[in-house]
Amino acid sequence: MVTNFKKVDALFDAAMLTGLTDLGNDIEKRAVVLAPKDTGRLRNSVKVQTGKDKVTVSFNTPYAKRRHYENNLHPSTKLYLTEAMKSITNVSKYFKGF
C-alpha cells in the first residue's frame, strides 16, 4: 500500500490550523467579555494570531498587561485572559480528527 505522506501531512496541518483558529476565537470571545471596560479601547484591541502549531490571543494597548494583573477599581476583571483560557474545558473538541 502506497501512502501519499505529503497529502496526509497537508491534511493534518490544515486540521491543526482550523482547530487552533477555532480555539483562539473562542478564547478571544470569552476574554472580551471578561476584560475591564471603561472606554472599550482595551476590549477592541484584542488580536488572535494562529501559526502552524500555536495560537496567540493578545490585547494590544499600552496598559493591557497592567490591567490583566492589576485593577483596583474592578478587581473581578483581573486575570481576564487567563480566566478566558481556563474557561475552555474541552480542548479536544477543537481537534476531533486526531
Protein backbone atom coordinates (compact mmCIF):
# COMPACT_ATOMS: atom_id res chain seq x y z
CA MET A 1 0.00 0.00 0.00
CA VAL A 2 1.42 3.35 -1.05
CA THR A 3 0.66 6.34 1.15
CA ASN A 4 0.99 9.90 -0.01
CA PHE A 5 2.66 11.36 3.08
CA LYS A 6 2.66 14.89 1.69
CA LYS A 7 -1.11 14.78 1.32
CA VAL A 8 -1.56 13.33 4.81
CA ASP A 9 0.79 15.96 6.19
CA ALA A 10 -1.15 18.74 4.45
CA LEU A 11 -4.46 17.42 5.79
CA PHE A 12 -3.01 17.20 9.29
CA ASP A 13 -1.65 20.75 9.09
CA ALA A 14 -4.99 22.07 7.81
CA ALA A 15 -6.92 20.34 10.61
CA MET A 16 -4.47 21.64 13.22
CA LEU A 17 -4.74 25.19 11.88
CA THR A 18 -8.54 25.02 11.91
CA GLY A 19 -8.57 23.68 15.48
CA LEU A 20 -6.15 26.33 16.72
CA THR A 21 -8.07 29.10 14.97
CA ASP A 22 -11.38 27.98 16.48
CA LEU A 23 -9.78 27.65 19.92
CA GLY A 24 -8.24 31.12 19.67
CA ASN A 25 -11.51 32.66 18.55
CA ASP A 26 -13.38 31.11 21.48
CA ILE A 27 -10.75 32.36 23.95
CA GLU A 28 -10.98 35.80 22.34
CA LYS A 29 -14.77 35.94 22.72
CA ARG A 30 -14.61 34.98 26.38
CA ALA A 31 -11.68 37.31 27.15
CA VAL A 32 -13.50 40.29 25.63
CA VAL A 33 -16.44 39.63 27.95
CA LEU A 34 -14.16 39.30 30.99
CA ALA A 35 -11.86 42.24 30.21
CA PRO A 36 -12.41 45.52 32.05
CA LYS A 37 -14.42 48.08 30.14
CA ASP A 38 -14.02 51.78 30.57
CA THR A 39 -13.77 53.28 27.11
CA GLY A 40 -13.83 49.93 25.30
CA ARG A 41 -10.37 50.53 23.84
CA LEU A 42 -8.88 47.51 25.63
CA ARG A 43 -11.65 45.17 24.51
CA ASN A 44 -11.39 46.43 20.94
CA SER A 45 -7.64 45.84 20.83
CA VAL A 46 -7.82 42.04 21.02
CA LYS A 47 -5.95 40.11 18.36
CA VAL A 48 -5.79 36.40 17.54
CA GLN A 49 -2.78 35.06 15.65
CA THR A 50 -2.53 31.46 14.55
CA GLY A 51 0.68 29.79 13.46
CA LYS A 52 1.45 26.27 12.35
CA ASP A 53 1.47 24.89 15.90
CA LYS A 54 0.31 27.70 18.18
CA VAL A 55 -2.34 30.32 18.74
CA THR A 56 -1.80 33.65 20.45
CA VAL A 57 -4.54 35.84 21.90
CA SER A 58 -3.39 39.28 22.98
CA PHE A 59 -4.72 42.67 23.93
CA ASN A 60 -2.75 45.50 22.40
CA THR A 61 -2.90 48.69 24.40
CA PRO A 62 -0.12 50.26 26.45
CA TYR A 63 -1.98 49.30 29.64
CA ALA A 64 -3.26 45.83 28.71
CA LYS A 65 -0.66 43.92 30.72
CA ARG A 66 -1.16 46.09 33.77
CA ARG A 67 -4.95 45.70 33.63
CA HIS A 68 -4.53 41.95 33.34
CA TYR A 69 -2.57 41.76 36.59
CA GLU A 70 -3.85 44.80 38.47
CA ASN A 71 -7.20 46.53 38.62
CA ASN A 72 -8.10 48.17 41.91
CA LEU A 73 -11.25 49.75 40.51
CA HIS A 74 -12.68 46.46 39.17
CA PRO A 75 -10.75 43.62 40.86
CA SER A 76 -13.10 40.97 39.44
CA THR A 77 -11.63 41.64 35.99
CA LYS A 78 -8.07 40.76 36.99
CA LEU A 79 -6.55 37.89 35.00
CA TYR A 80 -9.25 38.22 32.35
CA LEU A 81 -7.20 36.49 29.67
CA THR A 82 -6.07 33.69 31.99
CA GLU A 83 -9.66 33.13 33.10
CA ALA A 84 -10.80 33.05 29.47
CA MET A 85 -8.28 30.29 28.74
CA LYS A 86 -9.33 28.36 31.83
CA SER A 87 -12.95 28.51 30.72
CA ILE A 88 -12.16 26.27 27.77
CA THR A 89 -12.65 22.93 29.47
CA ASN A 90 -12.82 20.61 26.47
CA VAL A 91 -9.87 21.39 24.21
CA SER A 92 -10.25 18.04 22.46
CA LYS A 93 -13.40 19.28 20.68
CA TYR A 94 -11.19 21.53 18.57
CA PHE A 95 -9.10 18.60 17.36
CA LYS A 96 -11.69 15.88 16.66
CA GLY A 97 -9.91 14.40 13.67
CA PHE A 98 -6.71 13.49 15.52
